[in-house]
mmCIF file of all heavy atoms, coordinates in Angstrom:
data_MODEL
# 
_entry.id   MODEL 
# 
loop_
_atom_site.group_PDB 
_atom_site.id 
_atom_site.type_symbol 
_atom_site.label_atom_id 
_atom_site.label_alt_id 
_atom_site.label_comp_id 
_atom_site.label_asym_id 
_atom_site.label_entity_id 
_atom_site.label_seq_id 
_atom_site.pdbx_PDB_ins_code 
_atom_site.Cartn_x 
_atom_site.Cartn_y 
_atom_site.Cartn_z 
_atom_site.occupancy 
_atom_site.B_iso_or_equiv 
_atom_site.pdbx_formal_charge 
_atom_site.auth_seq_id 
_atom_site.auth_comp_id 
_atom_site.auth_asym_id 
_atom_site.auth_atom_id 
_atom_site.pdbx_PDB_model_num 
ATOM 1   N N   . ALA A 1 1  ? 0.844   -1.143  -0.034 1.00 0.00 ? 1  ALA A N   1 
ATOM 2   C CA  . ALA A 1 1  ? -0.031  -0.003  -0.004 1.00 0.00 ? 1  ALA A CA  1 
ATOM 3   C C   . ALA A 1 1  ? 0.854   1.232   -0.007 1.00 0.00 ? 1  ALA A C   1 
ATOM 4   O O   . ALA A 1 1  ? 1.535   1.581   1.002  1.00 0.00 ? 1  ALA A O   1 
ATOM 5   C CB  . ALA A 1 1  ? -0.865  -0.059  1.241  1.00 0.00 ? 1  ALA A CB  1 
ATOM 6   N N   . LEU A 1 2  ? 1.050   1.839   -1.191 1.00 0.00 ? 2  LEU A N   1 
ATOM 7   C CA  . LEU A 1 2  ? 2.003   2.971   -1.356 1.00 0.00 ? 2  LEU A CA  1 
ATOM 8   C C   . LEU A 1 2  ? 1.320   4.174   -1.836 1.00 0.00 ? 2  LEU A C   1 
ATOM 9   O O   . LEU A 1 2  ? 0.324   4.235   -2.574 1.00 0.00 ? 2  LEU A O   1 
ATOM 10  C CB  . LEU A 1 2  ? 3.012   2.497   -2.417 1.00 0.00 ? 2  LEU A CB  1 
ATOM 11  C CG  . LEU A 1 2  ? 3.668   1.153   -2.175 1.00 0.00 ? 2  LEU A CG  1 
ATOM 12  C CD1 . LEU A 1 2  ? 4.528   0.706   -3.414 1.00 0.00 ? 2  LEU A CD1 1 
ATOM 13  C CD2 . LEU A 1 2  ? 4.576   1.227   -0.923 1.00 0.00 ? 2  LEU A CD2 1 
ATOM 14  N N   . VAL A 1 3  ? 2.006   5.336   -1.416 1.00 0.00 ? 3  VAL A N   1 
ATOM 15  C CA  . VAL A 1 3  ? 1.567   6.614   -1.955 1.00 0.00 ? 3  VAL A CA  1 
ATOM 16  C C   . VAL A 1 3  ? 2.708   7.342   -2.484 1.00 0.00 ? 3  VAL A C   1 
ATOM 17  O O   . VAL A 1 3  ? 3.958   7.188   -2.050 1.00 0.00 ? 3  VAL A O   1 
ATOM 18  C CB  . VAL A 1 3  ? 0.885   7.556   -0.822 1.00 0.00 ? 3  VAL A CB  1 
ATOM 19  C CG1 . VAL A 1 3  ? -0.359  6.840   -0.238 1.00 0.00 ? 3  VAL A CG1 1 
ATOM 20  C CG2 . VAL A 1 3  ? 1.778   7.837   0.328  1.00 0.00 ? 3  VAL A CG2 1 
ATOM 21  N N   . ALA A 1 4  ? 2.500   8.222   -3.506 1.00 0.00 ? 4  ALA A N   1 
ATOM 22  C CA  . ALA A 1 4  ? 3.408   9.161   -4.049 1.00 0.00 ? 4  ALA A CA  1 
ATOM 23  C C   . ALA A 1 4  ? 3.032   10.539  -3.365 1.00 0.00 ? 4  ALA A C   1 
ATOM 24  O O   . ALA A 1 4  ? 1.980   10.967  -3.506 1.00 0.00 ? 4  ALA A O   1 
ATOM 25  C CB  . ALA A 1 4  ? 3.377   9.304   -5.535 1.00 0.00 ? 4  ALA A CB  1 
ATOM 26  N N   . GLU A 1 5  ? 4.024   11.225  -2.795 1.00 0.00 ? 5  GLU A N   1 
ATOM 27  C CA  . GLU A 1 5  ? 3.823   12.457  -2.057 1.00 0.00 ? 5  GLU A CA  1 
ATOM 28  C C   . GLU A 1 5  ? 4.614   13.575  -2.482 1.00 0.00 ? 5  GLU A C   1 
ATOM 29  O O   . GLU A 1 5  ? 5.906   13.269  -2.492 1.00 0.00 ? 5  GLU A O   1 
ATOM 30  C CB  . GLU A 1 5  ? 3.852   12.114  -0.575 1.00 0.00 ? 5  GLU A CB  1 
ATOM 31  C CG  . GLU A 1 5  ? 3.420   13.170  0.483  1.00 0.00 ? 5  GLU A CG  1 
ATOM 32  C CD  . GLU A 1 5  ? 3.487   12.661  1.852  1.00 0.00 ? 5  GLU A CD  1 
ATOM 33  O OE1 . GLU A 1 5  ? 4.520   12.309  2.358  1.00 0.00 ? 5  GLU A OE1 1 
ATOM 34  O OE2 . GLU A 1 5  ? 2.376   12.596  2.549  1.00 0.00 ? 5  GLU A OE2 1 
ATOM 35  N N   . GLN A 1 6  ? 4.215   14.730  -2.592 1.00 0.00 ? 6  GLN A N   1 
ATOM 36  C CA  . GLN A 1 6  ? 5.013   15.952  -2.935 1.00 0.00 ? 6  GLN A CA  1 
ATOM 37  C C   . GLN A 1 6  ? 4.667   16.925  -1.762 1.00 0.00 ? 6  GLN A C   1 
ATOM 38  O O   . GLN A 1 6  ? 3.576   17.460  -1.713 1.00 0.00 ? 6  GLN A O   1 
ATOM 39  C CB  . GLN A 1 6  ? 4.724   16.534  -4.257 1.00 0.00 ? 6  GLN A CB  1 
ATOM 40  C CG  . GLN A 1 6  ? 5.496   17.670  -4.679 1.00 0.00 ? 6  GLN A CG  1 
ATOM 41  C CD  . GLN A 1 6  ? 4.995   18.311  -5.932 1.00 0.00 ? 6  GLN A CD  1 
ATOM 42  O OE1 . GLN A 1 6  ? 3.880   18.794  -5.979 1.00 0.00 ? 6  GLN A OE1 1 
ATOM 43  N NE2 . GLN A 1 6  ? 5.827   18.381  -6.961 1.00 0.00 ? 6  GLN A NE2 1 
ATOM 44  N N   . ASP A 1 7  ? 5.697   17.250  -1.143 1.00 0.00 ? 7  ASP A N   1 
ATOM 45  C CA  . ASP A 1 7  ? 5.668   18.332  -0.075 1.00 0.00 ? 7  ASP A CA  1 
ATOM 46  C C   . ASP A 1 7  ? 4.344   18.049  0.958  1.00 0.00 ? 7  ASP A C   1 
ATOM 47  O O   . ASP A 1 7  ? 3.566   18.942  1.192  1.00 0.00 ? 7  ASP A O   1 
ATOM 48  C CB  . ASP A 1 7  ? 5.588   19.697  -0.644 1.00 0.00 ? 7  ASP A CB  1 
ATOM 49  C CG  . ASP A 1 7  ? 6.764   20.025  -1.364 1.00 0.00 ? 7  ASP A CG  1 
ATOM 50  O OD1 . ASP A 1 7  ? 7.862   19.599  -1.000 1.00 0.00 ? 7  ASP A OD1 1 
ATOM 51  O OD2 . ASP A 1 7  ? 6.531   20.623  -2.544 1.00 0.00 ? 7  ASP A OD2 1 
ATOM 52  N N   . GLY A 1 8  ? 4.207   16.825  1.314  1.00 0.00 ? 8  GLY A N   1 
ATOM 53  C CA  . GLY A 1 8  ? 3.108   16.443  2.220  1.00 0.00 ? 8  GLY A CA  1 
ATOM 54  C C   . GLY A 1 8  ? 1.796   16.291  1.509  1.00 0.00 ? 8  GLY A C   1 
ATOM 55  O O   . GLY A 1 8  ? 0.747   15.829  2.123  1.00 0.00 ? 8  GLY A O   1 
ATOM 56  N N   . LYS A 1 9  ? 1.698   16.498  0.207  1.00 0.00 ? 9  LYS A N   1 
ATOM 57  C CA  . LYS A 1 9  ? 0.432   16.289  -0.641 1.00 0.00 ? 9  LYS A CA  1 
ATOM 58  C C   . LYS A 1 9  ? 0.495   15.036  -1.447 1.00 0.00 ? 9  LYS A C   1 
ATOM 59  O O   . LYS A 1 9  ? 1.528   14.821  -2.146 1.00 0.00 ? 9  LYS A O   1 
ATOM 60  C CB  . LYS A 1 9  ? 0.233   17.489  -1.638 1.00 0.00 ? 9  LYS A CB  1 
ATOM 61  C CG  . LYS A 1 9  ? -0.850  17.249  -2.594 1.00 0.00 ? 9  LYS A CG  1 
ATOM 62  C CD  . LYS A 1 9  ? -0.947  18.391  -3.692 1.00 0.00 ? 9  LYS A CD  1 
ATOM 63  C CE  . LYS A 1 9  ? -2.012  18.152  -4.689 1.00 0.00 ? 9  LYS A CE  1 
ATOM 64  N NZ  . LYS A 1 9  ? -1.863  19.155  -5.836 1.00 0.00 ? 9  LYS A NZ  1 
ATOM 65  N N   . ILE A 1 10 ? -0.459  14.124  -1.168 1.00 0.00 ? 10 ILE A N   1 
ATOM 66  C CA  . ILE A 1 10 ? -0.526  12.872  -1.934 1.00 0.00 ? 10 ILE A CA  1 
ATOM 67  C C   . ILE A 1 10 ? -1.014  13.108  -3.349 1.00 0.00 ? 10 ILE A C   1 
ATOM 68  O O   . ILE A 1 10 ? -2.128  13.638  -3.523 1.00 0.00 ? 10 ILE A O   1 
ATOM 69  C CB  . ILE A 1 10 ? -1.408  11.773  -1.224 1.00 0.00 ? 10 ILE A CB  1 
ATOM 70  C CG1 . ILE A 1 10 ? -0.858  11.536  0.141  1.00 0.00 ? 10 ILE A CG1 1 
ATOM 71  C CG2 . ILE A 1 10 ? -1.473  10.501  -2.019 1.00 0.00 ? 10 ILE A CG2 1 
ATOM 72  C CD1 . ILE A 1 10 ? -1.605  10.491  0.976  1.00 0.00 ? 10 ILE A CD1 1 
ATOM 73  N N   . VAL A 1 11 ? -0.155  12.643  -4.341 1.00 0.00 ? 11 VAL A N   1 
ATOM 74  C CA  . VAL A 1 11 ? -0.539  12.922  -5.733 1.00 0.00 ? 11 VAL A CA  1 
ATOM 75  C C   . VAL A 1 11 ? -0.746  11.653  -6.516 1.00 0.00 ? 11 VAL A C   1 
ATOM 76  O O   . VAL A 1 11 ? -1.184  11.707  -7.650 1.00 0.00 ? 11 VAL A O   1 
ATOM 77  C CB  . VAL A 1 11 ? 0.593   13.691  -6.406 1.00 0.00 ? 11 VAL A CB  1 
ATOM 78  C CG1 . VAL A 1 11 ? 0.657   15.077  -5.757 1.00 0.00 ? 11 VAL A CG1 1 
ATOM 79  C CG2 . VAL A 1 11 ? 1.859   13.007  -6.369 1.00 0.00 ? 11 VAL A CG2 1 
ATOM 80  N N   . GLY A 1 12 ? -0.662  10.513  -5.887 1.00 0.00 ? 12 GLY A N   1 
ATOM 81  C CA  . GLY A 1 12 ? -0.913  9.247   -6.486 1.00 0.00 ? 12 GLY A CA  1 
ATOM 82  C C   . GLY A 1 12 ? -0.761  8.089   -5.519 1.00 0.00 ? 12 GLY A C   1 
ATOM 83  O O   . GLY A 1 12 ? -0.239  8.293   -4.433 1.00 0.00 ? 12 GLY A O   1 
ATOM 84  N N   . PHE A 1 13 ? -1.387  6.943   -5.837 1.00 0.00 ? 13 PHE A N   1 
ATOM 85  C CA  . PHE A 1 13 ? -1.129  5.862   -4.941 1.00 0.00 ? 13 PHE A CA  1 
ATOM 86  C C   . PHE A 1 13 ? -1.310  4.407   -5.674 1.00 0.00 ? 13 PHE A C   1 
ATOM 87  O O   . PHE A 1 13 ? -1.859  4.471   -6.802 1.00 0.00 ? 13 PHE A O   1 
ATOM 88  C CB  . PHE A 1 13 ? -2.097  5.907   -3.730 1.00 0.00 ? 13 PHE A CB  1 
ATOM 89  C CG  . PHE A 1 13 ? -3.517  5.666   -4.035 1.00 0.00 ? 13 PHE A CG  1 
ATOM 90  C CD1 . PHE A 1 13 ? -4.137  4.435   -3.919 1.00 0.00 ? 13 PHE A CD1 1 
ATOM 91  C CD2 . PHE A 1 13 ? -4.364  6.782   -4.505 1.00 0.00 ? 13 PHE A CD2 1 
ATOM 92  C CE1 . PHE A 1 13 ? -5.568  4.268   -4.249 1.00 0.00 ? 13 PHE A CE1 1 
ATOM 93  C CE2 . PHE A 1 13 ? -5.669  6.638   -4.657 1.00 0.00 ? 13 PHE A CE2 1 
ATOM 94  C CZ  . PHE A 1 13 ? -6.314  5.313   -4.513 1.00 0.00 ? 13 PHE A CZ  1 
ATOM 95  N N   . GLY A 1 14 ? -0.744  3.439   -5.121 1.00 0.00 ? 14 GLY A N   1 
ATOM 96  C CA  . GLY A 1 14 ? -0.856  2.049   -5.719 1.00 0.00 ? 14 GLY A CA  1 
ATOM 97  C C   . GLY A 1 14 ? -1.104  1.171   -4.530 1.00 0.00 ? 14 GLY A C   1 
ATOM 98  O O   . GLY A 1 14 ? -0.500  1.147   -3.529 1.00 0.00 ? 14 GLY A O   1 
ATOM 99  N N   . VAL A 1 15 ? -2.065  0.212   -4.786 1.00 0.00 ? 15 VAL A N   1 
ATOM 100 C CA  . VAL A 1 15 ? -2.502  -0.685  -3.685 1.00 0.00 ? 15 VAL A CA  1 
ATOM 101 C C   . VAL A 1 15 ? -2.685  -2.086  -4.359 1.00 0.00 ? 15 VAL A C   1 
ATOM 102 O O   . VAL A 1 15 ? -3.421  -2.277  -5.406 1.00 0.00 ? 15 VAL A O   1 
ATOM 103 C CB  . VAL A 1 15 ? -3.765  -0.305  -3.027 1.00 0.00 ? 15 VAL A CB  1 
ATOM 104 C CG1 . VAL A 1 15 ? -4.203  -1.478  -2.157 1.00 0.00 ? 15 VAL A CG1 1 
ATOM 105 C CG2 . VAL A 1 15 ? -3.698  1.006   -2.357 1.00 0.00 ? 15 VAL A CG2 1 
ATOM 106 N N   . ALA A 1 16 ? -1.978  -2.993  -3.744 1.00 0.00 ? 16 ALA A N   1 
ATOM 107 C CA  . ALA A 1 16 ? -2.146  -4.453  -4.122 1.00 0.00 ? 16 ALA A CA  1 
ATOM 108 C C   . ALA A 1 16 ? -2.684  -5.261  -2.933 1.00 0.00 ? 16 ALA A C   1 
ATOM 109 O O   . ALA A 1 16 ? -2.182  -4.902  -1.809 1.00 0.00 ? 16 ALA A O   1 
ATOM 110 C CB  . ALA A 1 16 ? -0.808  -5.082  -4.612 1.00 0.00 ? 16 ALA A CB  1 
ATOM 111 N N   . ILE A 1 17 ? -3.535  -6.047  -3.011 1.00 0.00 ? 17 ILE A N   1 
ATOM 112 C CA  . ILE A 1 17 ? -4.113  -6.708  -1.841 1.00 0.00 ? 17 ILE A CA  1 
ATOM 113 C C   . ILE A 1 17 ? -3.939  -8.257  -1.979 1.00 0.00 ? 17 ILE A C   1 
ATOM 114 O O   . ILE A 1 17 ? -3.964  -8.815  -3.165 1.00 0.00 ? 17 ILE A O   1 
ATOM 115 C CB  . ILE A 1 17 ? -5.576  -6.408  -1.603 1.00 0.00 ? 17 ILE A CB  1 
ATOM 116 C CG1 . ILE A 1 17 ? -6.361  -6.760  -2.982 1.00 0.00 ? 17 ILE A CG1 1 
ATOM 117 C CG2 . ILE A 1 17 ? -5.873  -4.991  -1.301 1.00 0.00 ? 17 ILE A CG2 1 
ATOM 118 C CD1 . ILE A 1 17 ? -7.967  -6.546  -2.730 1.00 0.00 ? 17 ILE A CD1 1 
ATOM 119 N N   . PRO A 1 18 ? -3.763  -8.882  -0.899 1.00 0.00 ? 18 PRO A N   1 
ATOM 120 C CA  . PRO A 1 18 ? -3.674  -10.381 -0.917 1.00 0.00 ? 18 PRO A CA  1 
ATOM 121 C C   . PRO A 1 18 ? -4.876  -11.073 -1.551 1.00 0.00 ? 18 PRO A C   1 
ATOM 122 O O   . PRO A 1 18 ? -6.011  -10.569 -1.329 1.00 0.00 ? 18 PRO A O   1 
ATOM 123 C CB  . PRO A 1 18 ? -3.522  -10.766 0.511  1.00 0.00 ? 18 PRO A CB  1 
ATOM 124 C CG  . PRO A 1 18 ? -3.235  -9.525  1.254  1.00 0.00 ? 18 PRO A CG  1 
ATOM 125 C CD  . PRO A 1 18 ? -3.791  -8.324  0.489  1.00 0.00 ? 18 PRO A CD  1 
ATOM 126 N N   . ASP A 1 19 ? -4.581  -12.037 -2.271 1.00 0.00 ? 19 ASP A N   1 
ATOM 127 C CA  . ASP A 1 19 ? -5.745  -12.802 -2.945 1.00 0.00 ? 19 ASP A CA  1 
ATOM 128 C C   . ASP A 1 19 ? -6.386  -13.670 -1.997 1.00 0.00 ? 19 ASP A C   1 
ATOM 129 O O   . ASP A 1 19 ? -6.254  -14.896 -2.005 1.00 0.00 ? 19 ASP A O   1 
ATOM 130 C CB  . ASP A 1 19 ? -5.254  -13.534 -4.206 1.00 0.00 ? 19 ASP A CB  1 
ATOM 131 C CG  . ASP A 1 19 ? -6.389  -14.178 -4.964 1.00 0.00 ? 19 ASP A CG  1 
ATOM 132 O OD1 . ASP A 1 19 ? -7.518  -13.778 -4.626 1.00 0.00 ? 19 ASP A OD1 1 
ATOM 133 O OD2 . ASP A 1 19 ? -6.121  -15.174 -5.704 1.00 0.00 ? 19 ASP A OD2 1 
ATOM 134 N N   . ILE A 1 20 ? -7.275  -13.120 -1.171 1.00 0.00 ? 20 ILE A N   1 
ATOM 135 C CA  . ILE A 1 20 ? -8.007  -13.923 -0.102 1.00 0.00 ? 20 ILE A CA  1 
ATOM 136 C C   . ILE A 1 20 ? -8.944  -14.963 -0.779 1.00 0.00 ? 20 ILE A C   1 
ATOM 137 O O   . ILE A 1 20 ? -9.519  -15.662 0.015  1.00 0.00 ? 20 ILE A O   1 
ATOM 138 C CB  . ILE A 1 20 ? -8.675  -13.039 0.922  1.00 0.00 ? 20 ILE A CB  1 
ATOM 139 C CG1 . ILE A 1 20 ? -9.782  -12.185 0.317  1.00 0.00 ? 20 ILE A CG1 1 
ATOM 140 C CG2 . ILE A 1 20 ? -7.707  -12.228 1.724  1.00 0.00 ? 20 ILE A CG2 1 
ATOM 141 C CD1 . ILE A 1 20 ? -10.788 -11.568 1.341  1.00 0.00 ? 20 ILE A CD1 1 
ATOM 142 N N   . ASN A 1 21 ? -9.157  -14.873 -1.997 1.00 0.00 ? 21 ASN A N   1 
ATOM 143 C CA  . ASN A 1 21 ? -10.049 -15.911 -2.666 1.00 0.00 ? 21 ASN A CA  1 
ATOM 144 C C   . ASN A 1 21 ? -9.468  -17.286 -2.454 1.00 0.00 ? 21 ASN A C   1 
ATOM 145 O O   . ASN A 1 21 ? -10.206 -18.249 -2.442 1.00 0.00 ? 21 ASN A O   1 
ATOM 146 C CB  . ASN A 1 21 ? -10.244 -15.654 -4.186 1.00 0.00 ? 21 ASN A CB  1 
ATOM 147 C CG  . ASN A 1 21 ? -11.412 -14.606 -4.497 1.00 0.00 ? 21 ASN A CG  1 
ATOM 148 O OD1 . ASN A 1 21 ? -11.834 -14.013 -3.551 1.00 0.00 ? 21 ASN A OD1 1 
ATOM 149 N ND2 . ASN A 1 21 ? -11.732 -14.527 -5.694 1.00 0.00 ? 21 ASN A ND2 1 
ATOM 150 N N   . GLN A 1 22 ? -8.208  -17.390 -2.227 1.00 0.00 ? 22 GLN A N   1 
ATOM 151 C CA  . GLN A 1 22 ? -7.515  -18.693 -1.887 1.00 0.00 ? 22 GLN A CA  1 
ATOM 152 C C   . GLN A 1 22 ? -8.231  -19.289 -0.657 1.00 0.00 ? 22 GLN A C   1 
ATOM 153 O O   . GLN A 1 22 ? -8.419  -20.541 -0.611 1.00 0.00 ? 22 GLN A O   1 
ATOM 154 C CB  . GLN A 1 22 ? -6.097  -18.580 -1.677 1.00 0.00 ? 22 GLN A CB  1 
ATOM 155 C CG  . GLN A 1 22 ? -5.239  -18.193 -2.960 1.00 0.00 ? 22 GLN A CG  1 
ATOM 156 C CD  . GLN A 1 22 ? -3.716  -18.264 -2.657 1.00 0.00 ? 22 GLN A CD  1 
ATOM 157 O OE1 . GLN A 1 22 ? -3.295  -18.532 -1.560 1.00 0.00 ? 22 GLN A OE1 1 
ATOM 158 N NE2 . GLN A 1 22 ? -2.984  -17.899 -3.668 1.00 0.00 ? 22 GLN A NE2 1 
ATOM 159 N N   . ILE A 1 23 ? -8.603  -18.439 0.225  1.00 0.00 ? 23 ILE A N   1 
ATOM 160 C CA  . ILE A 1 23 ? -9.271  -18.816 1.532  1.00 0.00 ? 23 ILE A CA  1 
ATOM 161 C C   . ILE A 1 23 ? -10.809 -18.951 1.282  1.00 0.00 ? 23 ILE A C   1 
ATOM 162 O O   . ILE A 1 23 ? -11.391 -19.913 1.807  1.00 0.00 ? 23 ILE A O   1 
ATOM 163 C CB  . ILE A 1 23 ? -8.927  -17.931 2.574  1.00 0.00 ? 23 ILE A CB  1 
ATOM 164 C CG1 . ILE A 1 23 ? -7.376  -17.843 2.796  1.00 0.00 ? 23 ILE A CG1 1 
ATOM 165 C CG2 . ILE A 1 23 ? -9.568  -18.370 3.842  1.00 0.00 ? 23 ILE A CG2 1 
ATOM 166 C CD1 . ILE A 1 23 ? -6.939  -16.828 3.741  1.00 0.00 ? 23 ILE A CD1 1 
ATOM 167 N N   . LEU A 1 24 ? -11.307 -17.841 0.707  1.00 0.00 ? 24 LEU A N   1 
ATOM 168 C CA  . LEU A 1 24 ? -12.737 -17.788 0.539  1.00 0.00 ? 24 LEU A CA  1 
ATOM 169 C C   . LEU A 1 24 ? -13.333 -19.060 -0.181 1.00 0.00 ? 24 LEU A C   1 
ATOM 170 O O   . LEU A 1 24 ? -14.483 -19.489 0.021  1.00 0.00 ? 24 LEU A O   1 
ATOM 171 C CB  . LEU A 1 24 ? -13.208 -16.506 -0.175 1.00 0.00 ? 24 LEU A CB  1 
ATOM 172 C CG  . LEU A 1 24 ? -12.874 -15.272 0.417  1.00 0.00 ? 24 LEU A CG  1 
ATOM 173 C CD1 . LEU A 1 24 ? -13.548 -14.033 -0.313 1.00 0.00 ? 24 LEU A CD1 1 
ATOM 174 C CD2 . LEU A 1 24 ? -13.449 -15.227 1.865  1.00 0.00 ? 24 LEU A CD2 1 
# 
């Protein structure tokens, strides 16, 4: 869970989540 930040302002982000379908 990552953000791109410029001078304290978030200008972008990227999120990957675990594939909990393996459990579901």
